Amino acid sequence: MQNWDDLKFCLALERYTTMTAAAKALGTNVATVSRRIERMTEQAGQPLFVRDQTQWVATALGKKLADLAGDLETGIQSSAPMVGQKLTRQTLRLSLPDMLACVIAKQDMSPLYDQLPNLELSFSDKPASLAYGETDLVLSHVEPTEGRVLRRKITDLYFALYQHAGWNAPATNWLSIASNHDLEQQQDQMDQFGGPAAITVPNVAQAVDIMTIRPVASLLPVTWAQRNPNLVALPAVRPQPYPVWMSYHVTRRHDPVIQHAITWLDSCLQPKH
């Protein structure tokens, strides 16, 4: 039973916790995943997974086999990386606030695709669970509390108030971005406007559009805003730091896709000297 063709099904089900998510990751169907897990269970003579409401949880033996599969996967990728990359379709789902997506999307992606040329990368600002296999990596401004995840603070990202450069006087009203709500609530600089936001929009793109036609300010990351020549920081306003946390499920700790993604995200968000 301890061969890669079998063990990869065990690894996928422990990582993603549902047959549907495991099948998608393996590029197969739910019936195949179920059949292979049943066959491995019969060979082992004891359960490898038990049903817990909407997810499958590995038993002690299931975890042992999944760990073995993770080590095999790492060895396969490191000993023959180009062969594995040419034959395997890789996916990476990033869950993060819209503002962080804007910052990362401005960075050079070639180091990531040099390592993972067949990567299918997706960004989403919708809430997603690592435990239920709904996403692969999560970036947030709040330290994660979800169970069985590995978490690390990457950096502090500085935010400041900006307005469109076409307005001659400093803005006297502000514009709220929905994905920024938690940060805006912590931001003392909003007090200078004497009240709630005049306008609220769901994302950064709409905020920038409105700032061109209305004299309003918005809280934006400094590294991103400085790349836009049409934005200027409000005078006498000091940028304030907010933490950026990265987290992923503990069963993905040996996953080379996750490790390459972490290296790339570190380079994207660490301060440039």
C-alpha atoms as a PDB file:
ATOM      1  CA  MET A   1       0.000   0.000   0.000  1.00  0.00           C
ATOM      2  CA  GLN A   2       2.884   2.392   0.648  1.00  0.00           C
ATOM      3  CA  ASN A   3       3.384   3.664  -2.877  1.00  0.00           C
ATOM      4  CA  TRP A   4       2.888   7.183  -4.159  1.00  0.00           C
ATOM      5  CA  ASP A   5      -0.097   6.329  -6.366  1.00  0.00           C
ATOM      6  CA  ASP A   6      -2.048   5.180  -3.296  1.00  0.00           C
ATOM      7  CA  LEU A   7      -0.662   7.558  -0.722  1.00  0.00           C
ATOM      8  CA  LYS A   8      -1.452  10.706  -2.703  1.00  0.00           C
ATOM      9  CA  PHE A   9      -5.165  10.008  -2.168  1.00  0.00           C
ATOM     10  CA  CYS A  10      -4.616   9.732   1.575  1.00  0.00           C
ATOM     11  CA  LEU A  11      -2.601  12.953   1.587  1.00  0.00           C
ATOM     12  CA  ALA A  12      -5.202  14.859  -0.434  1.00  0.00           C
ATOM     13  CA  LEU A  13      -8.101  13.804   1.778  1.00  0.00           C
ATOM     14  CA  GLU A  14      -6.251  14.758   4.949  1.00  0.00           C
ATOM     15  CA  ARG A  15      -5.284  18.113   3.465  1.00  0.00           C
ATOM     16  CA  TYR A  16      -8.649  19.067   2.042  1.00  0.00           C
ATOM     17  CA  THR A  17     -10.944  17.079   4.408  1.00  0.00           C
ATOM     18  CA  THR A  18     -13.686  16.543   1.805  1.00  0.00           C
ATOM     19  CA  MET A  19     -13.872  14.075  -1.078  1.00  0.00           C
ATOM     20  CA  THR A  20     -14.891  16.869  -3.451  1.00  0.00           C
ATOM     21  CA  ALA A  21     -11.930  19.107  -2.608  1.00  0.00           C
ATOM     22  CA  ALA A  22      -9.485  16.174  -2.664  1.00  0.00           C
ATOM     23  CA  ALA A  23     -10.773  15.068  -6.067  1.00  0.00           C
ATOM     24  CA  LYS A  24     -10.387  18.583  -7.460  1.00  0.00           C
ATOM     25  CA  ALA A  25      -6.806  18.823  -6.177  1.00  0.00           C
ATOM     26  CA  LEU A  26      -5.942  15.461  -7.746  1.00  0.00           C
ATOM     27  CA  GLY A  27      -7.662  16.200 -11.032  1.00  0.00           C
ATOM     28  CA  THR A  28     -10.040  13.245 -10.661  1.00  0.00           C
ATOM     29  CA  ASN A  29     -13.583  12.604  -9.434  1.00  0.00           C
ATOM     30  CA  VAL A  30     -15.154  11.889  -6.057  1.00  0.00           C
ATOM     31  CA  ALA A  31     -15.930   8.250  -6.918  1.00  0.00           C
ATOM     32  CA  THR A  32     -12.257   7.548  -7.618  1.00  0.00           C
ATOM     33  CA  VAL A  33     -11.125   9.141  -4.345  1.00  0.00           C
ATOM     34  CA  SER A  34     -13.748   7.183  -2.394  1.00  0.00           C
ATOM     35  CA  ARG A  35     -12.813   3.930  -4.111  1.00  0.00           C
ATOM     36  CA  ARG A  36      -9.085   4.358  -3.472  1.00  0.00           C
ATOM     37  CA  ILE A  37      -9.584   5.267   0.189  1.00  0.00           C
ATOM     38  CA  GLU A  38     -11.877   2.240   0.654  1.00  0.00           C
ATOM     39  CA  ARG A  39      -9.261  -0.030  -0.943  1.00  0.00           C
ATOM     40  CA  MET A  40      -6.493   1.325   1.282  1.00  0.00           C
ATOM     41  CA  THR A  41      -8.723   0.897   4.338  1.00  0.00           C
ATOM     42  CA  GLU A  42      -9.330  -2.749   3.443  1.00  0.00           C
ATOM     43  CA  GLN A  43      -5.604  -3.338   2.963  1.00  0.00           C
ATOM     44  CA  ALA A  44      -4.811  -1.684   6.295  1.00  0.00           C
ATOM     45  CA  GLY A  45      -7.504  -3.622   8.153  1.00  0.00           C
ATOM     46  CA  GLN A  46      -8.550  -0.516  10.061  1.00  0.00           C
ATOM     47  CA  PRO A  47     -10.091   2.904   9.285  1.00  0.00           C
ATOM     48  CA  LEU A  48      -7.845   5.580   7.823  1.00  0.00           C
ATOM     49  CA  PHE A  49     -10.527   8.296   8.070  1.00  0.00           C
ATOM     50  CA  VAL A  50     -13.682   8.845  10.098  1.00  0.00           C
ATOM     51  CA  ARG A  51     -16.621  11.035   9.183  1.00  0.00           C
ATOM     52  CA  ASP A  52     -17.089  14.163  11.319  1.00  0.00           C
ATOM     53  CA  GLN A  53     -20.171  16.056  10.168  1.00  0.00           C
ATOM     54  CA  THR A  54     -19.172  17.568   6.822  1.00  0.00           C
ATOM     55  CA  GLN A  55     -15.517  16.543   6.746  1.00  0.00           C
ATOM     56  CA  TRP A  56     -13.255  13.485   6.912  1.00  0.00           C
ATOM     57  CA  VAL A  57     -10.756  13.345   9.783  1.00  0.00           C
ATOM     58  CA  ALA A  58      -7.680  11.121   9.589  1.00  0.00           C
ATOM     59  CA  THR A  59      -7.151   8.450  12.208  1.00  0.00           C
ATOM     60  CA  ALA A  60      -3.705   7.926  13.733  1.00  0.00           C
ATOM     61  CA  LEU A  61      -2.803   5.553  10.897  1.00  0.00           C
ATOM     62  CA  GLY A  62      -4.289   7.915   8.310  1.00  0.00           C
ATOM     63  CA  LYS A  63      -2.155  10.775   9.651  1.00  0.00           C
ATOM     64  CA  LYS A  64       0.943   8.568   9.600  1.00  0.00           C
ATOM     65  CA  LEU A  65       0.340   7.647   5.959  1.00  0.00           C
ATOM     66  CA  ALA A  66      -0.437  11.270   5.035  1.00  0.00           C
ATOM     67  CA  ASP A  67       2.832  12.401   6.640  1.00  0.00           C
ATOM     68  CA  LEU A  68       4.686   9.709   4.700  1.00  0.00           C
ATOM     69  CA  ALA A  69       3.003  10.901   1.508  1.00  0.00           C
ATOM     70  CA  GLY A  70       4.018  14.480   2.289  1.00  0.00           C
ATOM     71  CA  ASP A  71       7.635  13.416   2.655  1.00  0.00           C
ATOM     72  CA  LEU A  72       7.438  11.461  -0.619  1.00  0.00           C
ATOM     73  CA  GLU A  73       5.894  14.448  -2.380  1.00  0.00           C
ATOM     74  CA  THR A  74       8.706  16.715  -1.163  1.00  0.00           C
ATOM     75  CA  GLY A  75      11.313  14.174  -2.312  1.00  0.00           C
ATOM     76  CA  ILE A  76       9.721  13.812  -5.736  1.00  0.00           C
ATOM     77  CA  GLN A  77       9.554  17.568  -6.239  1.00  0.00           C
ATOM     78  CA  SER A  78      13.105  18.226  -5.042  1.00  0.00           C
ATOM     79  CA  SER A  79      14.796  15.356  -6.905  1.00  0.00           C
ATOM     80  CA  ALA A  80      13.083  15.932 -10.240  1.00  0.00           C
ATOM     81  CA  PRO A  81      11.439  19.368 -10.060  1.00  0.00           C
ATOM     82  CA  MET A  82      11.143  20.081 -13.771  1.00  0.00           C
ATOM     83  CA  VAL A  83       9.666  16.652 -14.560  1.00  0.00           C
ATOM     84  CA  GLY A  84       7.086  17.045 -11.804  1.00  0.00           C
ATOM     85  CA  GLN A  85       6.191  20.555 -12.908  1.00  0.00           C
ATOM     86  CA  LYS A  86       5.738  19.612 -16.552  1.00  0.00           C
ATOM     87  CA  LEU A  87       3.452  16.699 -15.757  1.00  0.00           C
ATOM     88  CA  THR A  88       1.478  18.087 -12.825  1.00  0.00           C
ATOM     89  CA  ARG A  89      -1.103  20.857 -12.794  1.00  0.00           C
ATOM     90  CA  GLN A  90      -0.685  22.913  -9.636  1.00  0.00           C
ATOM     91  CA  THR A  91      -3.231  25.215  -8.051  1.00  0.00           C
ATOM     92  CA  LEU A  92      -2.846  27.922  -5.445  1.00  0.00           C
ATOM     93  CA  ARG A  93      -5.876  29.639  -3.926  1.00  0.00           C
ATOM     94  CA  LEU A  94      -5.057  32.792  -1.972  1.00  0.00           C
ATOM     95  CA  SER A  95      -7.678  34.261   0.360  1.00  0.00           C
ATOM     96  CA  LEU A  96      -6.890  37.839   1.310  1.00  0.00           C
ATOM     97  CA  PRO A  97      -8.439  41.304   1.617  1.00  0.00           C
ATOM     98  CA  ASP A  98      -8.912  43.190  -1.638  1.00  0.00           C
ATOM     99  CA  MET A  99      -6.309  45.749  -0.563  1.00  0.00           C
ATOM    100  CA  LEU A 100      -3.612  43.116  -0.030  1.00  0.00           C
ATOM    101  CA  ALA A 101      -4.469  41.559  -3.385  1.00  0.00           C
ATOM    102  CA  CYS A 102      -3.837  44.933  -5.032  1.00  0.00           C
ATOM    103  CA  VAL A 103      -0.425  45.203  -3.358  1.00  0.00           C
ATOM    104  CA  ILE A 104       0.644  41.671  -4.320  1.00  0.00           C
ATOM    105  CA  ALA A 105      -0.677  41.904  -7.875  1.00  0.00           C
ATOM    106  CA  LYS A 106       1.748  44.796  -8.471  1.00  0.00           C
ATOM    107  CA  GLN A 107       4.725  42.558  -7.664  1.00  0.00           C
ATOM    108  CA  ASP A 108       6.836  40.467 -10.028  1.00  0.00           C
ATOM    109  CA  MET A 109       5.250  37.013 -10.330  1.00  0.00           C
ATOM    110  CA  SER A 110       8.040  35.508 -12.425  1.00  0.00           C
ATOM    111  CA  PRO A 111       9.938  34.018  -9.415  1.00  0.00           C
ATOM    112  CA  LEU A 112       6.806  32.053  -8.514  1.00  0.00           C
ATOM    113  CA  TYR A 113       6.144  30.858 -12.074  1.00  0.00           C
ATOM    114  CA  ASP A 114       9.807  29.999 -12.580  1.00  0.00           C
ATOM    115  CA  GLN A 115       9.361  27.407  -9.832  1.00  0.00           C
ATOM    116  CA  LEU A 116       5.772  26.438 -10.722  1.00  0.00           C
ATOM    117  CA  PRO A 117       5.269  26.981 -14.468  1.00  0.00           C
ATOM    118  CA  ASN A 118       1.923  25.129 -14.563  1.00  0.00           C
ATOM    119  CA  LEU A 119       0.479  27.009 -11.618  1.00  0.00           C
ATOM    120  CA  GLU A 120      -3.156  28.130 -11.630  1.00  0.00           C
ATOM    121  CA  LEU A 121      -3.229  31.079  -9.228  1.00  0.00           C
ATOM    122  CA  SER A 122      -6.469  32.562  -7.917  1.00  0.00           C
ATOM    123  CA  PHE A 123      -7.171  35.467  -5.554  1.00  0.00           C
ATOM    124  CA  SER A 124     -10.360  35.792  -3.514  1.00  0.00           C
ATOM    125  CA  ASP A 125     -11.498  38.264  -0.876  1.00  0.00           C
ATOM    126  CA  LYS A 126     -14.334  35.960   0.234  1.00  0.00           C
ATOM    127  CA  PRO A 127     -14.014  34.290   3.666  1.00  0.00           C
ATOM    128  CA  ALA A 128     -12.700  30.734   3.287  1.00  0.00           C
ATOM    129  CA  SER A 129     -11.736  27.953   5.687  1.00  0.00           C
ATOM    130  CA  LEU A 130      -8.365  26.240   5.697  1.00  0.00           C
ATOM    131  CA  ALA A 131      -9.779  23.424   7.815  1.00  0.00           C
ATOM    132  CA  TYR A 132     -12.429  22.605   5.211  1.00  0.00           C
ATOM    133  CA  GLY A 133     -10.030  22.861   2.292  1.00  0.00           C
ATOM    134  CA  GLU A 134     -11.765  25.920   0.831  1.00  0.00           C
ATOM    135  CA  THR A 135      -8.470  27.732   0.299  1.00  0.00           C
ATOM    136  CA  ASP A 136      -4.712  27.071   0.384  1.00  0.00           C
ATOM    137  CA  LEU A 137      -3.161  30.184   1.925  1.00  0.00           C
ATOM    138  CA  VAL A 138      -4.747  32.995   3.918  1.00  0.00           C
ATOM    139  CA  LEU A 139      -3.374  36.512   4.379  1.00  0.00           C
ATOM    140  CA  SER A 140      -5.003  38.712   6.981  1.00  0.00           C
ATOM    141  CA  HIS A 141      -4.402  41.706   9.218  1.00  0.00           C
ATOM    142  CA  VAL A 142      -5.613  39.769  12.262  1.00  0.00           C
ATOM    143  CA  GLU A 143      -3.769  36.804  13.764  1.00  0.00           C
ATOM    144  CA  PRO A 144      -5.584  33.607  12.696  1.00  0.00           C
ATOM    145  CA  THR A 145      -7.354  31.549  15.357  1.00  0.00           C
ATOM    146  CA  GLU A 146      -8.583  28.617  13.237  1.00  0.00           C
ATOM    147  CA  GLY A 147      -7.371  25.250  14.557  1.00  0.00           C
ATOM    148  CA  ARG A 148      -4.575  23.112  13.048  1.00  0.00           C
ATOM    149  CA  VAL A 149      -3.048  25.915  11.037  1.00  0.00           C
ATOM    150  CA  LEU A 150       0.514  27.169  10.882  1.00  0.00           C
ATOM    151  CA  ARG A 151       0.657  30.948  11.154  1.00  0.00           C
ATOM    152  CA  ARG A 152       3.347  33.581  10.887  1.00  0.00           C
ATOM    153  CA  LYS A 153       3.472  37.345  10.845  1.00  0.00           C
ATOM    154  CA  ILE A 154       5.151  38.360   7.581  1.00  0.00           C
ATOM    155  CA  THR A 155       5.537  42.095   8.025  1.00  0.00           C
ATOM    156  CA  ASP A 156       3.910  45.376   8.967  1.00  0.00           C
ATOM    157  CA  LEU A 157       2.221  47.107   6.037  1.00  0.00           C
ATOM    158  CA  TYR A 158       1.977  50.883   6.331  1.00  0.00           C
ATOM    159  CA  PHE A 159      -1.286  52.679   5.510  1.00  0.00           C
ATOM    160  CA  ALA A 160      -1.949  56.404   5.097  1.00  0.00           C
ATOM    161  CA  LEU A 161      -4.702  58.711   3.887  1.00  0.00           C
ATOM    162  CA  TYR A 162      -4.595  59.612   0.198  1.00  0.00           C
ATOM    163  CA  GLN A 163      -6.668  61.738  -2.134  1.00  0.00           C
ATOM    164  CA  HIS A 164      -6.611  62.447  -5.857  1.00  0.00           C
ATOM    165  CA  ALA A 165      -3.834  64.815  -6.914  1.00  0.00           C
ATOM    166  CA  GLY A 166      -6.276  66.903  -8.948  1.00  0.00           C
ATOM    167  CA  TRP A 167      -7.857  68.506  -5.885  1.00  0.00           C
ATOM    168  CA  ASN A 168      -6.172  71.689  -4.670  1.00  0.00           C
ATOM    169  CA  ALA A 169      -7.230  71.547  -1.013  1.00  0.00           C
ATOM    170  CA  PRO A 170      -6.986  68.677   1.462  1.00  0.00           C
ATOM    171  CA  ALA A 171     -10.077  66.474   1.572  1.00  0.00           C
ATOM    172  CA  THR A 172     -12.622  67.228   4.281  1.00  0.00           C
ATOM    173  CA  ASN A 173     -14.554  63.949   3.883  1.00  0.00           C
ATOM    174  CA  TRP A 174     -13.434  60.360   3.629  1.00  0.00           C
ATOM    175  CA  LEU A 175     -14.357  57.280   1.636  1.00  0.00           C
ATOM    176  CA  SER A 176     -14.584  53.844   3.234  1.00  0.00           C
ATOM    177  CA  ILE A 177     -13.541  50.613   1.500  1.00  0.00           C
ATOM    178  CA  ALA A 178     -15.474  47.603   2.779  1.00  0.00           C
ATOM    179  CA  SER A 179     -12.433  45.309   2.901  1.00  0.00           C
ATOM    180  CA  ASN A 180     -10.632  47.977   4.948  1.00  0.00           C
ATOM    181  CA  HIS A 181     -13.323  48.256   7.603  1.00  0.00           C
ATOM    182  CA  ASP A 182     -11.339  46.683  10.462  1.00  0.00           C
ATOM    183  CA  LEU A 183      -8.327  48.883   9.747  1.00  0.00           C
ATOM    184  CA  GLU A 184     -10.417  52.030   9.438  1.00  0.00           C
ATOM    185  CA  GLN A 185     -11.955  51.366  12.851  1.00  0.00           C
ATOM    186  CA  GLN A 186      -8.454  51.365  14.374  1.00  0.00           C
ATOM    187  CA  GLN A 187      -7.335  54.453  12.481  1.00  0.00           C
ATOM    188  CA  ASP A 188      -7.291  57.578  14.695  1.00  0.00           C
ATOM    189  CA  GLN A 189      -6.695  59.722  11.623  1.00  0.00           C
ATOM    190  CA  MET A 190     -10.352  59.262  10.638  1.00  0.00           C
ATOM    191  CA  ASP A 191     -11.333  61.395  13.644  1.00  0.00           C
ATOM    192  CA  GLN A 192     -10.143  64.519  11.828  1.00  0.00           C
ATOM    193  CA  PHE A 193     -13.133  64.249   9.494  1.00  0.00           C
ATOM    194  CA  GLY A 194     -15.581  64.527  12.376  1.00  0.00           C
ATOM    195  CA  GLY A 195     -17.943  61.765  11.337  1.00  0.00           C
ATOM    196  CA  PRO A 196     -18.591  58.577   9.384  1.00  0.00           C
ATOM    197  CA  ALA A 197     -17.510  58.029   5.806  1.00  0.00           C
ATOM    198  CA  ALA A 198     -19.330  60.091   3.198  1.00  0.00           C
ATOM    199  CA  ILE A 199     -19.168  57.203   0.728  1.00  0.00           C
ATOM    200  CA  THR A 200     -18.619  53.442   1.118  1.00  0.00           C
ATOM    201  CA  VAL A 201     -17.548  51.181  -1.748  1.00  0.00           C
ATOM    202  CA  PRO A 202     -16.749  47.444  -1.880  1.00  0.00           C
ATOM    203  CA  ASN A 203     -13.242  47.558  -3.369  1.00  0.00           C
ATOM    204  CA  VAL A 204     -10.167  49.625  -4.137  1.00  0.00           C
ATOM    205  CA  ALA A 205     -10.852  50.067  -7.854  1.00  0.00           C
ATOM    206  CA  GLN A 206     -14.165  51.790  -7.179  1.00  0.00           C
ATOM    207  CA  ALA A 207     -12.568  53.918  -4.462  1.00  0.00           C
ATOM    208  CA  VAL A 208      -9.933  55.271  -6.859  1.00  0.00           C
ATOM    209  CA  ASP A 209     -12.590  56.002  -9.489  1.00  0.00           C
ATOM    210  CA  ILE A 210     -14.690  58.010  -7.037  1.00  0.00           C
ATOM    211  CA  MET A 211     -11.655  59.882  -5.704  1.00  0.00           C
ATOM    212  CA  THR A 212     -11.167  61.338  -9.194  1.00  0.00           C
ATOM    213  CA  ILE A 213     -14.626  62.942  -9.157  1.00  0.00           C
ATOM    214  CA  ARG A 214     -15.092  63.711  -5.449  1.00  0.00           C
ATOM    215  CA  PRO A 215     -12.664  65.435  -3.022  1.00  0.00           C
ATOM    216  CA  VAL A 216     -12.534  62.543  -0.547  1.00  0.00           C
ATOM    217  CA  ALA A 217      -9.633  60.740   1.115  1.00  0.00           C
ATOM    218  CA  SER A 218      -9.225  57.013   1.627  1.00  0.00           C
ATOM    219  CA  LEU A 219      -6.969  54.754   3.679  1.00  0.00           C
ATOM    220  CA  LEU A 220      -4.514  53.038   1.309  1.00  0.00           C
ATOM    221  CA  PRO A 221      -1.253  51.077   1.629  1.00  0.00           C
ATOM    222  CA  VAL A 222       1.719  53.375   1.105  1.00  0.00           C
ATOM    223  CA  THR A 223       3.656  50.995  -1.160  1.00  0.00           C
ATOM    224  CA  TRP A 224       0.656  50.690  -3.480  1.00  0.00           C
ATOM    225  CA  ALA A 225      -0.424  54.342  -3.474  1.00  0.00           C
ATOM    226  CA  GLN A 226       3.101  55.581  -4.215  1.00  0.00           C
ATOM    227  CA  ARG A 227       2.970  53.700  -7.528  1.00  0.00           C
ATOM    228  CA  ASN A 228      -0.072  55.719  -8.598  1.00  0.00           C
ATOM    229  CA  PRO A 229       0.963  59.229  -9.757  1.00  0.00           C
ATOM    230  CA  ASN A 230      -2.631  60.441  -9.409  1.00  0.00           C
ATOM    231  CA  LEU A 231      -2.671  59.944  -5.636  1.00  0.00           C
ATOM    232  CA  VAL A 232      -1.109  62.178  -2.991  1.00  0.00           C
ATOM    233  CA  ALA A 233      -0.884  61.677   0.754  1.00  0.00           C
ATOM    234  CA  LEU A 234      -2.729  64.097   2.998  1.00  0.00           C
ATOM    235  CA  PRO A 235      -0.256  66.543   4.555  1.00  0.00           C
ATOM    236  CA  ALA A 236       0.789  66.119   8.182  1.00  0.00           C
ATOM    237  CA  VAL A 237      -0.526  62.549   8.320  1.00  0.00           C
ATOM    238  CA  ARG A 238       1.927  59.885   9.438  1.00  0.00           C
ATOM    239  CA  PRO A 239       1.558  56.377   7.965  1.00  0.00           C
ATOM    240  CA  GLN A 240       0.568  53.743  10.512  1.00  0.00           C
ATOM    241  CA  PRO A 241       1.634  50.061  10.461  1.00  0.00           C
ATOM    242  CA  TYR A 242      -0.739  47.103  10.416  1.00  0.00           C
ATOM    243  CA  PRO A 243       0.415  43.485  10.661  1.00  0.00           C
ATOM    244  CA  VAL A 244       0.099  41.005   7.814  1.00  0.00           C
ATOM    245  CA  TRP A 245      -0.363  37.378   8.878  1.00  0.00           C
ATOM    246  CA  MET A 246       0.007  34.305   6.691  1.00  0.00           C
ATOM    247  CA  SER A 247      -1.550  30.936   7.550  1.00  0.00           C
ATOM    248  CA  TYR A 248      -2.009  27.507   5.989  1.00  0.00           C
ATOM    249  CA  HIS A 249      -3.180  24.106   7.163  1.00  0.00           C
ATOM    250  CA  VAL A 250      -0.648  22.025   9.063  1.00  0.00           C
ATOM    251  CA  THR A 251      -1.038  19.132   6.612  1.00  0.00           C
ATOM    252  CA  ARG A 252       0.360  21.370   3.848  1.00  0.00           C
ATOM    253  CA  ARG A 253       3.659  21.961   5.650  1.00  0.00           C
ATOM    254  CA  HIS A 254       5.566  19.721   3.209  1.00  0.00           C
ATOM    255  CA  ASP A 255       3.691  20.903   0.124  1.00  0.00           C
ATOM    256  CA  PRO A 256       6.211  22.446  -2.321  1.00  0.00           C
ATOM    257  CA  VAL A 257       3.513  24.672  -3.839  1.00  0.00           C
ATOM    258  CA  ILE A 258       2.874  26.195  -0.415  1.00  0.00           C
ATOM    259  CA  GLN A 259       6.592  26.579   0.279  1.00  0.00           C
ATOM    260  CA  HIS A 260       7.251  28.310  -3.059  1.00  0.00           C
ATOM    261  CA  ALA A 261       4.236  30.560  -2.452  1.00  0.00           C
ATOM    262  CA  ILE A 262       5.493  31.519   1.011  1.00  0.00           C
ATOM    263  CA  THR A 263       8.910  32.443  -0.376  1.00  0.00           C
ATOM    264  CA  TRP A 264       7.287  34.566  -3.083  1.00  0.00           C
ATOM    265  CA  LEU A 265       4.857  36.301  -0.711  1.00  0.00           C
ATOM    266  CA  ASP A 266       7.700  37.087   1.674  1.00  0.00           C
ATOM    267  CA  SER A 267       9.586  38.798  -1.153  1.00  0.00           C
ATOM    268  CA  CYS A 268       6.429  40.697  -2.181  1.00  0.00           C
ATOM    269  CA  LEU A 269       5.607  42.093   1.233  1.00  0.00           C
ATOM    270  CA  GLN A 270       8.932  42.522   2.999  1.00  0.00           C
ATOM    271  CA  PRO A 271      10.171  46.142   2.989  1.00  0.00           C
ATOM    272  CA  LYS A 272      12.534  46.925   0.114  1.00  0.00           C
ATOM    273  CA  HIS A 273      15.776  48.560   1.189  1.00  0.00           C
END
